[in-house]
Amino acid sequence: MGATTMLAATISARASEGVMLQAGELNGPHIVVSIDRDSKPRAFVIRTIAVGTSGSRIEIFIDKAKAPTFSEILTAGDCKYTDAGSMCEVRITQTDTAYRRIAADFRGGHVAHINITEAGVMKMDKTVALRGTARALR
């Protein structure tokens, strides 16, 4: 999926980023996982729009895994607040061991289950097909 495939993806991803998956509403709360090929070192970029605030937990499970491939509690430094709501961003660089784990799971997986909780309350619980993500990782 290219950065211009969906309106929300265009808004949420920079031109240098290949969007790997997106979950949520097109013009509402959503999350975009992309890979920034131009950054040195390369990085996964996980952005939330209008969902997630400081203290929220993002978890990404692949297929039927019991443990998440990615789990992070957002900090105040990860999030910005505008009239349109919150926008949070987490970057996982290629030098981080989490990058290799995420890349391997995305390559071998079929679906990603994305959960975002705020203060223990589920704000988003979406399942997205991983078809085509291996191509984005090249």
Foldseek 3Di string as FASTA:
>chain_A
DACPPAPQSVVVDDNQWGWQDKDDDRPEWIKTWIWRVPDVQIKIKIKIFQAADQQKWKFKCFDPDPHTLDIDGHHNVQWDADPRGIMGMDIDGPVHPSVVSVLVRLVPGFKMWIWIDDPNHTPDTDIDGRPPNNVRVD
